[in-house]
Amino acid sequence: MTVRTSLAALAAVGLAACSPKADYLITNGMVWTGLSTGNPQPGQVAIGGGKVLAVGDSASLARYVGGATKVIDARGGLVTPGFSDAHTHFIGGGFQLASIDLRDAATPQEFVRRIKEYAAKLRPGEWILGGDWDHTLWRGAPLPRHDWIDSVTPNNPVWISRLDGHEGLANAAALKAAGITRDTPTPAGGEILRDRDGSPTGIFKDQAEGLIGKGIPDATPEQTDSALARALRYAASLGVTPGTATTMVKALAESGLAEYEPYSGVRLSAAGERLAGLVLRRHRLVELFLVQVMGMSWADVHDDAEQLEHVVSDRLIDRIDEMLGRPTHDPHGDPIPNTAGEIAARHLDSLLTCPLATRLRVTRIADQDPAFLRFIESNGLKPGEAVEVESRDDAADSVMLRRKDRHITIGARAASKLLVEVDRS
């Protein structure tokens, strides 16, 4: 054996001895690392301590194999990193997983059958939610009615949404729980389908959906915990590894952007508050640019601005700010932070809490849902418009407004999202 060969052997032995041992070794897989390596390649993956130690062939990974390493045969299957989704509504998704599924109910009869079977498993008084039904699958596309399902759900309120979320069906028990009668007025921006005598058929659309929603009880802590556990199990089954709040908070604290003590809460540091303000500044300036310069609708710029804010340079943001005349508010009335990330404090009331019979100025819209913004625009209630609250009807959950010579009625939920201040001009 030559000196060179002896040194190489000694180095290999030393390297193997120093290498961490894998808890798991995945073999016989088509491995895709998520890096710019092209298509998946045959290979193995060594995992230890919850992290990938190495990816390669059997020879290069042999040093990670120890007596306690568990070998998993992928049998030619695809091996990928866990997918981390930071914008998943885990709690809502967990509730949805346990709710009734009507998405592919191909006939009205199948629709009713599934509801009957689901109701049979519930205790009296439990709500049946979810649904995602699609009546366009049915011959003639008839909209469902509450009397289709009342006989199979006598003891359980039902509120099941169409798949687009713009309308839903309530059964008789849900109508009673929400206090809905033939005399219930239709809120602006919504629709209640009725029979010839004025009685609701059970279908509520858009802003009218909130009439039923107010009758649904809040989830208990136990139900919420169960929904979260259900969602996490489902995510894990799909290879999705959700980032936890604790992990993200720790990362913020380590970077100096937050102050965190376990079990004692978290708050942004001065540096974190400044950075958050500057992120808002970029987003809101881009939104205003898209509306004023590009001619886009104020209802459709949020998603585009959310993408652009991460790629435009600080120099371009400063140029946009200068070009637009150093604006103080974005198209929705949200304040634009200054170059130090600071936002001037400002007290605003909503149309639910502001004084009656007082000239007001719409200042801010606290909801950027495109459909809601178009509803606000169609009623002439964009920021800058003058308006007066004439009356509020608590029983009907509505607010009567006067804008110039026009009377407008909107739902209480919509009114809560319109922020105003006294017009002193």
Protein backbone atom coordinates (compact mmCIF):
# COMPACT_ATOMS: atom_id res chain seq x y z
CA MET A 1 0.00 0.00 0.00
CA THR A 2 1.43 3.39 -0.98
CA VAL A 3 1.63 6.34 1.36
CA ARG A 4 -0.96 8.18 -0.76
CA THR A 5 -3.38 5.24 -0.54
CA SER A 6 -2.87 4.93 3.21
CA LEU A 7 -3.58 8.63 3.73
CA ALA A 8 -6.75 8.44 1.61
CA ALA A 9 -7.98 5.42 3.57
CA LEU A 10 -7.19 7.12 6.87
CA ALA A 11 -9.05 10.28 5.76
CA ALA A 12 -12.07 8.23 4.74
CA VAL A 13 -12.15 6.45 8.09
CA GLY A 14 -11.78 9.74 9.94
CA LEU A 15 -14.50 11.40 7.88
CA ALA A 16 -16.91 8.52 8.52
CA ALA A 17 -16.23 8.65 12.21
CA CYS A 18 -16.86 12.40 12.39
CA SER A 19 -19.99 12.44 10.25
CA PRO A 20 -23.33 12.69 12.07
CA LYS A 21 -25.38 9.53 11.82
CA ALA A 22 -28.70 9.60 10.05
CA ASP A 23 -31.95 8.76 11.76
CA TYR A 24 -33.38 7.79 8.38
CA LEU A 25 -31.93 6.86 5.00
CA ILE A 26 -34.31 6.98 2.04
CA THR A 27 -33.13 4.73 -0.77
CA ASN A 28 -34.23 3.87 -4.31
CA GLY A 29 -35.96 7.21 -4.84
CA MET A 30 -36.20 9.79 -7.59
CA VAL A 31 -34.87 12.77 -5.62
CA TRP A 32 -35.73 16.38 -6.36
CA THR A 33 -34.02 18.85 -4.06
CA GLY A 34 -35.90 21.99 -5.10
CA LEU A 35 -32.63 23.52 -6.30
CA SER A 36 -31.67 24.28 -9.87
CA THR A 37 -30.70 20.69 -10.56
CA GLY A 38 -33.28 20.00 -13.24
CA ASN A 39 -35.45 16.91 -13.14
CA PRO A 40 -35.48 14.42 -10.24
CA GLN A 41 -32.45 12.11 -10.20
CA PRO A 42 -32.00 8.61 -8.79
CA GLY A 43 -30.42 8.83 -5.37
CA GLN A 44 -30.61 8.60 -1.60
CA VAL A 45 -31.39 11.05 1.20
CA ALA A 46 -29.89 10.99 4.71
CA ILE A 47 -31.97 12.67 7.42
CA GLY A 48 -30.91 13.37 11.00
CA GLY A 49 -32.29 15.59 13.72
CA GLY A 50 -35.18 16.63 11.56
CA LYS A 51 -32.88 17.98 8.83
CA VAL A 52 -31.52 16.70 5.52
CA LEU A 53 -27.88 15.76 6.11
CA ALA A 54 -26.94 14.87 2.57
CA VAL A 55 -28.24 13.83 -0.84
CA GLY A 56 -26.28 11.55 -3.14
CA ASP A 57 -25.55 7.98 -4.14
CA SER A 58 -25.03 5.01 -1.83
CA ALA A 59 -21.25 5.43 -1.73
CA SER A 60 -21.29 9.10 -0.74
CA LEU A 61 -23.96 8.54 1.94
CA ALA A 62 -22.45 5.42 3.50
CA ARG A 63 -20.65 7.51 6.14
CA TYR A 64 -24.01 8.72 7.51
CA VAL A 65 -25.35 5.22 8.16
CA GLY A 66 -25.13 3.95 11.74
CA GLY A 67 -26.51 1.06 13.71
CA ALA A 68 -29.71 2.96 14.57
CA THR A 69 -30.36 4.32 11.07
CA LYS A 70 -33.75 3.27 9.72
CA VAL A 71 -33.74 2.56 5.97
CA ILE A 72 -36.87 3.52 3.98
CA ASP A 73 -37.23 2.08 0.49
CA ALA A 74 -38.95 4.65 -1.76
CA ARG A 75 -39.44 1.98 -4.43
CA GLY A 76 -38.80 4.40 -7.26
CA GLY A 77 -41.15 7.05 -5.91
CA LEU A 78 -40.60 10.79 -5.96
CA VAL A 79 -38.73 12.20 -2.93
CA THR A 80 -39.02 15.96 -2.35
CA PRO A 81 -38.46 18.40 0.50
CA GLY A 82 -41.48 19.13 2.67
CA PHE A 83 -43.56 21.93 1.17
CA SER A 84 -44.00 24.83 3.58
CA ASP A 85 -47.11 26.95 3.07
CA ALA A 86 -47.04 30.20 5.04
CA HIS A 87 -50.46 31.42 3.89
CA THR A 88 -52.70 28.49 4.68
CA HIS A 89 -55.80 29.16 6.77
CA PHE A 90 -55.24 26.11 8.94
CA ILE A 91 -58.10 26.61 11.38
CA GLY A 92 -60.67 27.26 8.66
CA GLY A 93 -59.28 24.38 6.63
CA GLY A 94 -59.56 22.09 9.65
CA PHE A 95 -63.23 22.95 10.08
CA GLN A 96 -63.79 22.47 6.34
CA LEU A 97 -62.30 18.97 6.49
CA ALA A 98 -64.96 17.95 9.01
CA SER A 99 -67.84 19.69 7.24
CA ILE A 100 -70.18 18.22 4.67
CA ASP A 101 -68.84 17.85 1.13
CA LEU A 102 -71.36 18.48 -1.65
CA ARG A 103 -68.93 19.58 -4.36
CA ASP A 104 -69.60 16.63 -6.68
CA ALA A 105 -73.23 15.92 -5.74
CA ALA A 106 -74.43 15.38 -9.31
CA THR A 107 -78.21 15.50 -8.71
CA PRO A 108 -80.62 17.14 -6.27
CA GLN A 109 -81.39 13.67 -4.92
CA GLU A 110 -77.71 13.03 -4.17
CA PHE A 111 -77.49 16.49 -2.60
CA VAL A 112 -80.35 15.67 -0.20
CA ARG A 113 -79.09 12.15 0.51
CA ARG A 114 -75.67 13.35 1.63
CA ILE A 115 -77.18 15.98 3.91
CA LYS A 116 -79.51 13.38 5.46
CA GLU A 117 -76.63 10.97 6.16
CA TYR A 118 -74.46 13.73 7.61
CA ALA A 119 -77.25 15.02 9.87
CA ALA A 120 -77.85 11.53 11.24
CA LYS A 121 -74.38 11.61 12.85
CA LEU A 122 -74.90 14.91 14.70
CA ARG A 123 -76.41 15.87 18.02
CA PRO A 124 -79.56 18.03 17.95
CA GLY A 125 -78.67 21.69 17.60
CA GLU A 126 -75.31 21.17 15.87
CA TRP A 127 -74.94 23.24 12.72
CA ILE A 128 -74.25 21.71 9.32
CA LEU A 129 -71.74 23.91 7.50
CA GLY A 130 -69.48 23.78 4.45
CA GLY A 131 -71.03 22.26 1.35
CA ASP A 132 -69.46 23.82 -1.77
CA TRP A 133 -72.45 22.65 -3.82
CA ASP A 134 -72.74 23.38 -7.53
CA HIS A 135 -76.29 23.47 -8.90
CA THR A 136 -75.00 23.85 -12.48
CA LEU A 137 -74.27 20.11 -12.39
CA TRP A 138 -78.00 19.39 -12.14
CA ARG A 139 -80.43 19.07 -15.02
CA GLY A 140 -81.99 22.49 -15.56
CA ALA A 141 -79.65 23.98 -12.89
CA PRO A 142 -82.37 24.63 -10.26
CA LEU A 143 -81.25 26.42 -7.12
CA PRO A 144 -81.87 24.34 -3.98
CA ARG A 145 -84.60 25.34 -1.52
CA HIS A 146 -84.87 24.92 2.22
CA ASP A 147 -87.92 22.67 1.87
CA TRP A 148 -85.75 20.14 0.01
CA ILE A 149 -83.83 19.42 3.21
CA ASP A 150 -86.09 20.51 6.10
CA SER A 151 -87.52 17.03 6.58
CA VAL A 152 -84.05 15.43 6.83
CA THR A 153 -82.61 18.14 9.11
CA PRO A 154 -85.43 18.94 11.58
CA ASN A 155 -83.08 19.31 14.55
CA ASN A 156 -79.98 20.81 12.93
CA PRO A 157 -79.58 24.27 11.43
CA VAL A 158 -78.00 24.14 7.97
CA TRP A 159 -75.94 26.84 6.24
CA ILE A 160 -74.16 25.40 3.22
CA SER A 161 -72.37 27.56 0.66
CA ARG A 162 -72.18 27.33 -3.07
CA LEU A 163 -68.66 26.60 -4.28
CA ASP A 164 -67.97 30.25 -5.22
CA GLY A 165 -68.96 31.54 -1.77
CA HIS A 166 -71.36 34.14 -3.20
CA GLU A 167 -74.52 32.38 -2.09
CA GLY A 168 -75.67 29.75 0.35
CA LEU A 169 -78.68 27.69 1.41
CA ALA A 170 -80.24 27.88 4.87
CA ASN A 171 -82.81 25.39 6.12
CA ALA A 172 -85.85 26.30 8.23
CA ALA A 173 -83.94 25.71 11.48
CA ALA A 174 -81.19 28.12 10.40
CA LEU A 175 -83.74 30.74 9.33
CA LYS A 176 -85.33 30.51 12.77
CA ALA A 177 -81.97 30.69 14.56
CA ALA A 178 -81.04 33.82 12.60
CA GLY A 179 -84.46 35.42 13.11
CA ILE A 180 -85.23 35.54 9.38
CA THR A 181 -88.88 35.98 8.35
CA ARG A 182 -90.78 37.12 5.28
CA ASP A 183 -90.53 40.66 6.68
CA THR A 184 -86.73 40.67 6.88
CA PRO A 185 -85.49 43.42 4.53
CA THR A 186 -82.91 42.63 1.88
CA PRO A 187 -79.61 44.40 2.66
CA ALA A 188 -77.98 46.53 -0.02
CA GLY A 189 -75.51 44.54 -2.07
CA GLY A 190 -77.28 41.29 -1.31
CA GLU A 191 -80.29 39.26 -2.34
CA ILE A 192 -82.79 37.05 -0.54
CA LEU A 193 -84.64 34.76 -2.94
CA ARG A 194 -88.33 34.64 -2.04
CA ASP A 195 -91.52 32.83 -2.99
CA ARG A 196 -94.49 34.79 -4.32
CA ASP A 197 -95.77 35.42 -0.79
CA GLY A 198 -92.42 36.90 0.23
CA SER A 199 -91.20 33.90 2.23
CA PRO A 200 -87.45 33.18 1.84
CA THR A 201 -86.63 30.11 -0.25
CA GLY A 202 -83.43 29.63 1.75
CA ILE A 203 -81.00 31.14 -0.78
CA PHE A 204 -79.04 34.19 0.41
CA LYS A 205 -76.55 35.97 -1.83
CA ASP A 206 -73.52 38.19 -1.19
CA GLN A 207 -74.20 40.82 1.51
CA ALA A 208 -77.36 38.96 2.57
CA GLU A 209 -75.27 35.96 3.63
CA GLY A 210 -74.32 37.80 6.81
CA LEU A 211 -77.93 37.60 7.98
CA ILE A 212 -77.48 33.87 8.48
CA GLY A 213 -73.88 34.11 9.64
CA LYS A 214 -74.86 36.11 12.72
CA GLY A 215 -76.90 33.14 13.95
CA ILE A 216 -74.00 30.67 13.82
CA PRO A 217 -72.43 30.23 17.27
CA ASP A 218 -68.69 30.78 17.71
CA ALA A 219 -66.54 27.67 17.81
CA THR A 220 -65.52 26.47 21.26
CA PRO A 221 -61.81 26.25 22.15
CA GLU A 222 -62.09 22.46 22.01
CA GLN A 223 -63.57 22.61 18.49
CA THR A 224 -60.84 24.98 17.37
CA ASP A 225 -58.10 22.74 18.77
CA SER A 226 -59.65 19.76 17.04
CA ALA A 227 -59.81 21.66 13.73
CA LEU A 228 -56.13 22.60 13.98
CA ALA A 229 -55.07 19.02 14.74
CA ARG A 230 -57.18 17.78 11.82
CA ALA A 231 -55.60 20.28 9.43
CA LEU A 232 -52.07 19.45 10.55
CA ARG A 233 -52.65 15.72 10.05
CA TYR A 234 -53.99 16.35 6.56
CA ALA A 235 -51.08 18.66 5.70
CA ALA A 236 -48.58 16.07 6.87
CA SER A 237 -50.24 13.41 4.71
CA LEU A 238 -49.61 15.61 1.66
CA GLY A 239 -46.01 16.44 2.55
CA VAL A 240 -46.83 20.01 3.58
CA THR A 241 -44.80 21.15 6.59
CA PRO A 242 -46.53 24.22 8.02
CA GLY A 243 -44.32 26.88 9.53
CA THR A 244 -45.31 27.37 13.15
CA ALA A 245 -45.83 30.70 14.82
CA THR A 246 -43.15 29.83 17.38
CA THR A 247 -40.59 29.12 14.68
CA MET A 248 -41.32 32.36 12.89
CA VAL A 249 -41.28 34.40 16.11
CA LYS A 250 -37.91 32.92 17.10
CA ALA A 251 -36.50 33.82 13.71
CA LEU A 252 -37.74 37.39 14.08
CA ALA A 253 -36.24 37.63 17.57
CA GLU A 254 -32.87 36.30 16.40
CA SER A 255 -32.79 38.93 13.65
CA GLY A 256 -33.53 41.71 16.13
CA LEU A 257 -36.95 42.47 14.67
CA ALA A 258 -38.99 41.24 17.63
CA GLU A 259 -38.75 40.86 21.39
CA TYR A 260 -39.85 37.42 22.54
CA GLU A 261 -39.94 35.51 25.78
CA PRO A 262 -41.58 32.05 25.86
CA TYR A 263 -45.07 32.18 27.39
CA SER A 264 -44.78 35.96 27.82
CA GLY A 265 -45.91 37.20 24.43
CA VAL A 266 -44.13 38.89 21.54
CA ARG A 267 -43.88 42.42 20.21
CA LEU A 268 -41.97 44.08 17.42
CA SER A 269 -38.76 45.81 18.32
CA ALA A 270 -38.14 49.39 17.18
CA ALA A 271 -36.28 47.97 14.18
CA GLY A 272 -39.16 45.58 13.48
CA GLU A 273 -41.75 48.35 13.61
CA ARG A 274 -39.71 50.46 11.21
CA LEU A 275 -39.28 47.57 8.76
CA ALA A 276 -43.00 46.73 8.93
CA GLY A 277 -43.83 50.38 8.21
CA LEU A 278 -41.48 50.45 5.22
CA VAL A 279 -43.07 47.27 3.81
CA LEU A 280 -46.50 48.91 4.09
CA ARG A 281 -45.09 52.03 2.45
CA ARG A 282 -43.88 50.06 -0.58
CA HIS A 283 -47.17 48.20 -0.95
CA ARG A 284 -49.39 51.26 -0.68
CA LEU A 285 -47.30 53.40 -3.00
CA VAL A 286 -47.33 50.63 -5.61
CA GLU A 287 -51.14 50.32 -5.28
CA LEU A 288 -51.54 54.06 -5.83
CA PHE A 289 -49.18 53.99 -8.81
CA LEU A 290 -51.16 51.15 -10.42
CA VAL A 291 -54.39 53.10 -10.03
CA GLN A 292 -53.28 56.64 -10.88
CA VAL A 293 -50.65 55.93 -13.53
CA MET A 294 -51.51 52.52 -14.95
CA GLY A 295 -55.26 53.08 -14.85
CA MET A 296 -56.08 49.88 -12.99
CA SER A 297 -59.19 49.51 -10.87
CA TRP A 298 -58.75 50.14 -7.16
CA ALA A 299 -60.59 46.85 -6.58
CA ASP A 300 -57.97 44.77 -8.40
CA VAL A 301 -54.56 46.15 -7.43
CA HIS A 302 -53.91 44.45 -4.09
CA ASP A 303 -52.58 41.14 -5.41
CA ASP A 304 -50.41 42.77 -8.09
CA ALA A 305 -48.98 45.23 -5.56
CA GLU A 306 -48.25 42.34 -3.19
CA GLN A 307 -46.03 40.78 -5.83
CA LEU A 308 -44.38 43.97 -7.08
CA GLU A 309 -43.51 45.27 -3.60
CA HIS A 310 -40.91 42.51 -3.26
CA VAL A 311 -39.08 43.19 -6.53
CA VAL A 312 -38.99 46.97 -7.00
CA SER A 313 -35.94 48.80 -5.68
CA ASP A 314 -35.89 51.42 -2.94
CA ARG A 315 -34.83 53.96 -5.56
CA LEU A 316 -37.89 53.20 -7.67
CA ILE A 317 -40.18 53.47 -4.62
CA ASP A 318 -38.69 56.91 -3.87
CA ARG A 319 -39.23 57.94 -7.48
CA ILE A 320 -42.86 56.77 -7.38
CA ASP A 321 -43.37 58.73 -4.16
CA GLU A 322 -41.94 61.87 -5.79
CA MET A 323 -43.88 61.37 -9.03
CA LEU A 324 -47.19 61.03 -7.19
CA GLY A 325 -46.57 64.18 -5.15
CA ARG A 326 -45.66 62.62 -1.79
CA PRO A 327 -49.12 61.11 -1.21
CA THR A 328 -50.35 60.35 2.31
CA HIS A 329 -52.99 57.70 1.53
CA ASP A 330 -53.42 54.80 -0.88
CA PRO A 331 -56.54 54.26 -3.06
CA HIS A 332 -58.42 52.60 -0.18
CA GLY A 333 -57.66 55.40 2.27
CA ASP A 334 -54.95 53.49 4.15
CA PRO A 335 -52.19 55.82 5.38
CA ILE A 336 -48.82 55.62 3.64
CA PRO A 337 -45.93 55.53 6.15
CA ASN A 338 -43.16 58.09 5.75
CA THR A 339 -39.56 57.27 4.84
CA ALA A 340 -38.89 56.31 8.47
CA GLY A 341 -41.73 53.78 8.45
CA GLU A 342 -43.89 55.95 10.71
CA ILE A 343 -47.67 56.36 10.45
CA ALA A 344 -49.39 59.43 11.83
CA ALA A 345 -52.07 58.55 14.40
CA ARG A 346 -55.61 59.35 13.31
CA HIS A 347 -58.95 58.64 15.00
CA LEU A 348 -61.69 57.37 12.72
CA ASP A 349 -65.22 56.12 13.39
CA SER A 350 -67.12 53.56 11.36
CA LEU A 351 -70.57 54.21 9.97
CA LEU A 352 -71.85 52.10 12.89
CA THR A 353 -70.40 54.36 15.58
CA CYS A 354 -70.26 57.82 14.02
CA PRO A 355 -72.78 60.55 14.95
CA LEU A 356 -76.12 60.74 13.13
CA ALA A 357 -77.22 63.67 10.98
CA THR A 358 -73.65 64.93 10.62
CA ARG A 359 -71.79 65.64 7.41
CA LEU A 360 -69.03 63.03 7.17
CA ARG A 361 -66.23 62.22 4.79
CA VAL A 362 -65.45 58.59 3.85
CA THR A 363 -61.79 58.21 4.76
CA ARG A 364 -60.83 54.55 4.65
CA ILE A 365 -62.20 51.18 3.49
CA ALA A 366 -61.23 48.42 5.93
CA ASP A 367 -61.74 45.52 3.51
CA GLN A 368 -59.88 44.95 0.26
CA ASP A 369 -62.03 42.13 -1.07
CA PRO A 370 -62.54 43.04 -4.77
CA ALA A 371 -66.29 42.30 -4.71
CA PHE A 372 -66.76 44.50 -1.64
CA LEU A 373 -64.76 47.35 -3.18
CA ARG A 374 -66.86 47.21 -6.34
CA PHE A 375 -69.99 47.30 -4.19
CA ILE A 376 -68.67 50.40 -2.40
CA GLU A 377 -67.80 52.06 -5.71
CA SER A 378 -71.22 51.32 -7.21
CA ASN A 379 -72.83 53.15 -4.30
CA GLY A 380 -70.53 56.15 -4.56
CA LEU A 381 -68.87 55.56 -1.21
CA LYS A 382 -65.17 55.64 -2.13
CA PRO A 383 -62.74 57.57 0.09
CA GLY A 384 -63.25 61.32 -0.23
CA GLU A 385 -67.02 61.12 -0.72
CA ALA A 386 -69.32 63.09 1.59
CA VAL A 387 -72.06 61.11 3.35
CA GLU A 388 -74.49 61.41 6.24
CA VAL A 389 -75.94 58.65 8.44
CA GLU A 390 -79.70 59.21 8.69
CA SER A 391 -80.61 56.22 10.85
CA ARG A 392 -79.65 52.74 11.99
CA ASP A 393 -81.99 49.75 12.21
CA ASP A 394 -80.58 47.23 14.69
CA ALA A 395 -83.37 44.73 14.03
CA ALA A 396 -82.61 44.67 10.30
CA ASP A 397 -78.85 45.07 10.76
CA SER A 398 -78.86 47.96 8.31
CA VAL A 399 -77.77 51.60 8.09
CA MET A 400 -79.59 54.30 6.10
CA LEU A 401 -77.26 56.84 4.45
CA ARG A 402 -77.75 59.99 2.43
CA ARG A 403 -75.24 60.93 -0.22
CA LYS A 404 -76.10 64.17 -1.96
CA ASP A 405 -79.76 63.64 -2.90
CA ARG A 406 -79.58 59.86 -2.89
CA HIS A 407 -80.66 57.54 -0.08
CA ILE A 408 -78.63 54.34 0.35
CA THR A 409 -79.21 51.38 2.65
CA ILE A 410 -76.30 49.08 3.45
CA GLY A 411 -75.86 46.17 5.86
CA ALA A 412 -74.32 46.68 9.27
CA ARG A 413 -71.35 44.48 8.41
CA ALA A 414 -70.57 46.63 5.38
CA ALA A 415 -71.07 49.81 7.42
CA SER A 416 -68.53 48.63 9.98
CA LYS A 417 -65.87 48.56 7.26
CA LEU A 418 -66.38 52.16 6.12
CA LEU A 419 -64.34 54.52 8.30
CA VAL A 420 -65.24 58.20 8.34
CA GLU A 421 -64.44 61.50 9.99
CA VAL A 422 -66.44 64.67 10.43
CA ASP A 423 -66.25 66.80 7.28
CA ARG A 424 -65.17 70.27 8.39
CA SER A 425 -64.75 71.69 4.89
